[in-house]
Amino acid sequence: MKIYNKLVRDKIPQIIEADGKKANIRLLDSREYLKELVKKLQEEAKEFQANPSIEELADIKEITIAIREAFGIHAGELEDMRRQKAAANGRFKNKIFLKSVE
């Protein structure tokens, strides 16, 4: 038996069972779900760092969508906030690396 103890995508239990194995699962409450989403975001960020690919980037986007939905934030509201921050602080297009401030 392999222990995972982590949040997984909705179809993973069915995929495991289609492979002839038994998936032991439990459903999380809202508080646990948010905590696990943050852990999953960290996991996916590490995976992207190790393997910068479109697949890993798509996983990060899926997690950010789940976090947004868990907080009850509409996609347009998040995009508005992103635009406000971009207008106030800029984006990351100029590739600026801040070394220090005196």
N, C-alpha and C. Protein backbone atom coordinates (compact mmCIF):
# COMPACT_ATOMS: atom_id res chain seq x y z
N MET A 1 0.85 -1.18 0.00
CA MET A 1 0.00 0.00 0.00
C MET A 1 0.89 1.24 0.00
N LYS A 2 0.57 2.20 -0.87
CA LYS A 2 1.30 3.46 -0.94
C LYS A 2 0.43 4.56 -0.32
N ILE A 3 1.00 5.35 0.57
CA ILE A 3 0.29 6.42 1.26
C ILE A 3 0.55 7.75 0.54
N TYR A 4 -0.50 8.49 0.27
CA TYR A 4 -0.37 9.79 -0.40
C TYR A 4 -0.75 10.96 0.50
N ASN A 5 -1.89 10.88 1.16
CA ASN A 5 -2.38 11.95 2.03
C ASN A 5 -2.27 13.33 1.37
N LYS A 6 -2.91 13.48 0.22
CA LYS A 6 -2.89 14.76 -0.48
C LYS A 6 -4.15 14.94 -1.31
N LEU A 7 -4.44 16.18 -1.62
CA LEU A 7 -5.57 16.54 -2.48
C LEU A 7 -5.27 16.07 -3.89
N VAL A 8 -6.26 15.44 -4.52
CA VAL A 8 -6.09 14.99 -5.91
C VAL A 8 -7.27 15.46 -6.75
N ARG A 9 -7.10 15.40 -8.04
CA ARG A 9 -8.16 15.77 -8.98
C ARG A 9 -9.35 14.82 -8.82
N ASP A 10 -10.53 15.30 -9.21
CA ASP A 10 -11.78 14.59 -8.98
C ASP A 10 -11.85 13.18 -9.58
N LYS A 11 -11.22 12.95 -10.70
CA LYS A 11 -11.34 11.66 -11.37
C LYS A 11 -10.26 10.65 -10.97
N ILE A 12 -9.34 11.05 -10.12
CA ILE A 12 -8.25 10.14 -9.73
C ILE A 12 -8.75 8.86 -9.07
N PRO A 13 -9.73 8.91 -8.16
CA PRO A 13 -10.20 7.63 -7.59
C PRO A 13 -10.73 6.66 -8.65
N GLN A 14 -11.47 7.16 -9.64
CA GLN A 14 -11.99 6.29 -10.68
C GLN A 14 -10.86 5.74 -11.55
N ILE A 15 -9.86 6.55 -11.80
CA ILE A 15 -8.71 6.09 -12.60
C ILE A 15 -7.97 4.98 -11.86
N ILE A 16 -7.79 5.15 -10.55
CA ILE A 16 -7.13 4.14 -9.73
C ILE A 16 -7.93 2.84 -9.75
N GLU A 17 -9.25 2.95 -9.56
CA GLU A 17 -10.09 1.76 -9.53
C GLU A 17 -10.19 1.08 -10.89
N ALA A 18 -10.12 1.85 -11.98
CA ALA A 18 -10.12 1.26 -13.32
C ALA A 18 -8.84 0.45 -13.55
N ASP A 19 -7.81 0.79 -12.76
CA ASP A 19 -6.54 0.06 -12.84
C ASP A 19 -6.54 -1.17 -11.92
N GLY A 20 -7.72 -1.48 -11.33
CA GLY A 20 -7.84 -2.66 -10.49
C GLY A 20 -7.40 -2.49 -9.06
N LYS A 21 -7.20 -1.24 -8.63
CA LYS A 21 -6.76 -0.97 -7.26
C LYS A 21 -7.89 -0.31 -6.48
N LYS A 22 -7.71 -0.19 -5.17
CA LYS A 22 -8.71 0.44 -4.32
C LYS A 22 -8.17 1.78 -3.83
N ALA A 23 -8.93 2.83 -4.05
CA ALA A 23 -8.57 4.17 -3.59
C ALA A 23 -9.28 4.44 -2.26
N ASN A 24 -8.53 4.66 -1.22
CA ASN A 24 -9.10 5.03 0.08
C ASN A 24 -9.13 6.56 0.15
N ILE A 25 -10.33 7.12 0.22
CA ILE A 25 -10.49 8.57 0.18
C ILE A 25 -11.36 9.05 1.34
N ARG A 26 -11.35 10.35 1.55
CA ARG A 26 -12.31 11.01 2.41
C ARG A 26 -12.52 12.41 1.84
N LEU A 27 -13.70 12.95 2.08
CA LEU A 27 -14.00 14.29 1.60
C LEU A 27 -13.59 15.29 2.67
N LEU A 28 -13.03 16.40 2.23
CA LEU A 28 -12.55 17.45 3.13
C LEU A 28 -13.64 18.45 3.44
N ASP A 29 -13.59 19.03 4.63
CA ASP A 29 -14.47 20.16 4.90
C ASP A 29 -13.83 21.41 4.29
N SER A 30 -14.53 22.52 4.32
CA SER A 30 -14.07 23.74 3.64
C SER A 30 -12.73 24.24 4.16
N ARG A 31 -12.54 24.18 5.47
CA ARG A 31 -11.29 24.65 6.07
C ARG A 31 -10.12 23.78 5.63
N GLU A 32 -10.31 22.46 5.70
CA GLU A 32 -9.27 21.52 5.27
C GLU A 32 -8.98 21.69 3.78
N TYR A 33 -10.04 21.88 3.00
CA TYR A 33 -9.90 22.02 1.55
C TYR A 33 -9.01 23.21 1.20
N LEU A 34 -9.24 24.36 1.83
CA LEU A 34 -8.40 25.53 1.57
C LEU A 34 -6.95 25.28 1.94
N LYS A 35 -6.74 24.63 3.08
CA LYS A 35 -5.39 24.32 3.52
C LYS A 35 -4.70 23.40 2.50
N GLU A 36 -5.41 22.39 2.04
CA GLU A 36 -4.84 21.44 1.07
C GLU A 36 -4.63 22.08 -0.30
N LEU A 37 -5.48 23.02 -0.67
CA LEU A 37 -5.28 23.73 -1.94
C LEU A 37 -3.97 24.52 -1.91
N VAL A 38 -3.69 25.16 -0.80
CA VAL A 38 -2.44 25.92 -0.68
C VAL A 38 -1.25 24.97 -0.75
N LYS A 39 -1.34 23.83 -0.07
CA LYS A 39 -0.26 22.83 -0.15
C LYS A 39 -0.09 22.34 -1.58
N LYS A 40 -1.21 22.13 -2.27
CA LYS A 40 -1.17 21.65 -3.65
C LYS A 40 -0.53 22.70 -4.57
N LEU A 41 -0.82 23.97 -4.33
CA LEU A 41 -0.21 25.05 -5.12
C LEU A 41 1.31 25.02 -4.94
N GLN A 42 1.77 24.82 -3.72
CA GLN A 42 3.21 24.73 -3.46
C GLN A 42 3.81 23.52 -4.17
N GLU A 43 3.11 22.39 -4.12
CA GLU A 43 3.57 21.17 -4.79
C GLU A 43 3.69 21.39 -6.30
N GLU A 44 2.66 21.99 -6.87
CA GLU A 44 2.67 22.22 -8.32
C GLU A 44 3.74 23.24 -8.73
N ALA A 45 3.96 24.25 -7.88
CA ALA A 45 5.01 25.23 -8.17
C ALA A 45 6.39 24.56 -8.18
N LYS A 46 6.62 23.65 -7.23
CA LYS A 46 7.88 22.91 -7.19
C LYS A 46 8.04 22.04 -8.44
N GLU A 47 6.93 21.40 -8.85
CA GLU A 47 6.98 20.57 -10.05
C GLU A 47 7.28 21.41 -11.28
N PHE A 48 6.69 22.62 -11.34
CA PHE A 48 6.97 23.51 -12.48
C PHE A 48 8.43 23.97 -12.45
N GLN A 49 8.94 24.23 -11.27
CA GLN A 49 10.33 24.65 -11.14
C GLN A 49 11.26 23.55 -11.63
N ALA A 50 10.94 22.30 -11.31
CA ALA A 50 11.75 21.17 -11.74
C ALA A 50 11.59 20.86 -13.22
N ASN A 51 10.40 21.12 -13.75
CA ASN A 51 10.09 20.81 -15.15
C ASN A 51 9.20 21.90 -15.73
N PRO A 52 9.79 23.03 -16.13
CA PRO A 52 8.97 24.12 -16.69
C PRO A 52 8.32 23.69 -18.01
N SER A 53 7.04 23.36 -17.94
CA SER A 53 6.34 22.86 -19.12
C SER A 53 4.90 23.37 -19.12
N ILE A 54 4.26 23.28 -20.25
CA ILE A 54 2.86 23.70 -20.36
C ILE A 54 1.97 22.84 -19.47
N GLU A 55 2.29 21.55 -19.32
CA GLU A 55 1.50 20.67 -18.48
C GLU A 55 1.55 21.11 -17.01
N GLU A 56 2.73 21.44 -16.53
CA GLU A 56 2.87 21.89 -15.14
C GLU A 56 2.22 23.26 -14.94
N LEU A 57 2.33 24.13 -15.93
CA LEU A 57 1.69 25.43 -15.86
C LEU A 57 0.17 25.29 -15.83
N ALA A 58 -0.36 24.34 -16.60
CA ALA A 58 -1.80 24.08 -16.60
C ALA A 58 -2.26 23.58 -15.23
N ASP A 59 -1.43 22.78 -14.55
CA ASP A 59 -1.77 22.32 -13.20
C ASP A 59 -1.85 23.50 -12.24
N ILE A 60 -0.92 24.43 -12.35
CA ILE A 60 -0.94 25.62 -11.49
C ILE A 60 -2.20 26.43 -11.75
N LYS A 61 -2.57 26.59 -13.01
CA LYS A 61 -3.78 27.34 -13.32
C LYS A 61 -5.01 26.65 -12.75
N GLU A 62 -5.08 25.33 -12.85
CA GLU A 62 -6.23 24.58 -12.31
C GLU A 62 -6.34 24.79 -10.80
N ILE A 63 -5.22 24.78 -10.11
CA ILE A 63 -5.23 25.01 -8.66
C ILE A 63 -5.66 26.44 -8.34
N THR A 64 -5.17 27.42 -9.10
CA THR A 64 -5.57 28.80 -8.82
C THR A 64 -7.07 29.00 -9.07
N ILE A 65 -7.61 28.32 -10.06
CA ILE A 65 -9.06 28.38 -10.29
C ILE A 65 -9.81 27.79 -9.10
N ALA A 66 -9.34 26.66 -8.60
CA ALA A 66 -9.99 26.01 -7.45
C ALA A 66 -9.91 26.91 -6.21
N ILE A 67 -8.79 27.56 -6.00
CA ILE A 67 -8.64 28.48 -4.86
C ILE A 67 -9.59 29.65 -5.01
N ARG A 68 -9.65 30.23 -6.20
CA ARG A 68 -10.55 31.35 -6.47
C ARG A 68 -11.99 30.95 -6.17
N GLU A 69 -12.41 29.79 -6.66
CA GLU A 69 -13.77 29.31 -6.45
C GLU A 69 -14.04 29.03 -4.96
N ALA A 70 -13.05 28.46 -4.27
CA ALA A 70 -13.21 28.15 -2.84
C ALA A 70 -13.41 29.43 -2.02
N PHE A 71 -12.81 30.51 -2.45
CA PHE A 71 -12.97 31.80 -1.78
C PHE A 71 -14.21 32.55 -2.27
N GLY A 72 -14.91 32.00 -3.25
CA GLY A 72 -16.11 32.64 -3.76
C GLY A 72 -15.81 33.88 -4.59
N ILE A 73 -14.67 33.90 -5.23
CA ILE A 73 -14.26 35.04 -6.05
C ILE A 73 -14.60 34.75 -7.51
N HIS A 74 -15.31 35.65 -8.14
CA HIS A 74 -15.66 35.52 -9.55
C HIS A 74 -14.41 35.75 -10.40
N ALA A 75 -14.32 35.06 -11.53
CA ALA A 75 -13.16 35.18 -12.42
C ALA A 75 -12.93 36.62 -12.84
N GLY A 76 -14.02 37.35 -13.12
CA GLY A 76 -13.89 38.75 -13.52
C GLY A 76 -13.33 39.61 -12.40
N GLU A 77 -13.71 39.30 -11.17
CA GLU A 77 -13.21 40.05 -10.01
C GLU A 77 -11.70 39.84 -9.86
N LEU A 78 -11.25 38.61 -10.04
CA LEU A 78 -9.82 38.32 -9.96
C LEU A 78 -9.06 39.04 -11.07
N GLU A 79 -9.62 39.02 -12.27
CA GLU A 79 -8.97 39.69 -13.40
C GLU A 79 -8.93 41.20 -13.17
N ASP A 80 -9.99 41.77 -12.60
CA ASP A 80 -9.98 43.20 -12.27
C ASP A 80 -8.86 43.53 -11.29
N MET A 81 -8.70 42.69 -10.27
CA MET A 81 -7.64 42.90 -9.29
C MET A 81 -6.27 42.79 -9.93
N ARG A 82 -6.11 41.81 -10.82
CA ARG A 82 -4.83 41.65 -11.52
C ARG A 82 -4.51 42.90 -12.33
N ARG A 83 -5.51 43.42 -13.02
CA ARG A 83 -5.31 44.63 -13.83
C ARG A 83 -4.98 45.84 -12.96
N GLN A 84 -5.65 45.98 -11.82
CA GLN A 84 -5.37 47.09 -10.91
C GLN A 84 -3.92 47.03 -10.42
N LYS A 85 -3.49 45.83 -10.03
CA LYS A 85 -2.12 45.68 -9.55
C LYS A 85 -1.12 45.92 -10.67
N ALA A 86 -1.44 45.49 -11.88
CA ALA A 86 -0.56 45.73 -13.01
C ALA A 86 -0.45 47.23 -13.31
N ALA A 87 -1.59 47.92 -13.22
CA ALA A 87 -1.57 49.37 -13.47
C ALA A 87 -0.77 50.11 -12.39
N ALA A 88 -0.90 49.69 -11.15
CA ALA A 88 -0.22 50.36 -10.05
C ALA A 88 1.26 50.00 -9.95
N ASN A 89 1.60 48.71 -10.15
CA ASN A 89 2.96 48.23 -9.90
C ASN A 89 3.68 47.72 -11.15
N GLY A 90 2.97 47.67 -12.27
CA GLY A 90 3.56 47.12 -13.48
C GLY A 90 3.36 45.62 -13.55
N ARG A 91 3.92 45.05 -14.59
CA ARG A 91 3.82 43.61 -14.79
C ARG A 91 5.20 42.99 -14.60
N PHE A 92 5.55 41.99 -15.35
CA PHE A 92 6.86 41.36 -15.26
C PHE A 92 7.52 41.28 -16.64
N LYS A 93 7.05 42.10 -17.57
CA LYS A 93 7.52 42.04 -18.94
C LYS A 93 8.96 42.51 -19.12
N ASN A 94 9.40 43.48 -18.30
CA ASN A 94 10.72 44.07 -18.49
C ASN A 94 11.85 43.27 -17.85
N LYS A 95 11.52 42.18 -17.20
CA LYS A 95 12.51 41.24 -16.65
C LYS A 95 13.42 41.91 -15.62
N ILE A 96 12.88 42.80 -14.81
CA ILE A 96 13.66 43.55 -13.82
C ILE A 96 13.94 42.66 -12.61
N PHE A 97 15.21 42.62 -12.21
CA PHE A 97 15.64 41.86 -11.03
C PHE A 97 16.19 42.87 -10.03
N LEU A 98 15.49 43.06 -8.90
CA LEU A 98 15.88 44.03 -7.88
C LEU A 98 16.97 43.43 -7.02
N LYS A 99 18.16 44.02 -7.06
CA LYS A 99 19.29 43.51 -6.28
C LYS A 99 19.27 44.03 -4.85
N SER A 100 19.00 45.31 -4.65
CA SER A 100 18.97 45.86 -3.30
C SER A 100 18.37 47.25 -3.34
N VAL A 101 18.11 47.79 -2.15
CA VAL A 101 17.62 49.15 -1.98
C VAL A 101 18.43 49.79 -0.88
N GLU A 102 18.95 50.99 -1.14
CA GLU A 102 19.76 51.69 -0.11
C GLU A 102 18.99 52.82 0.48
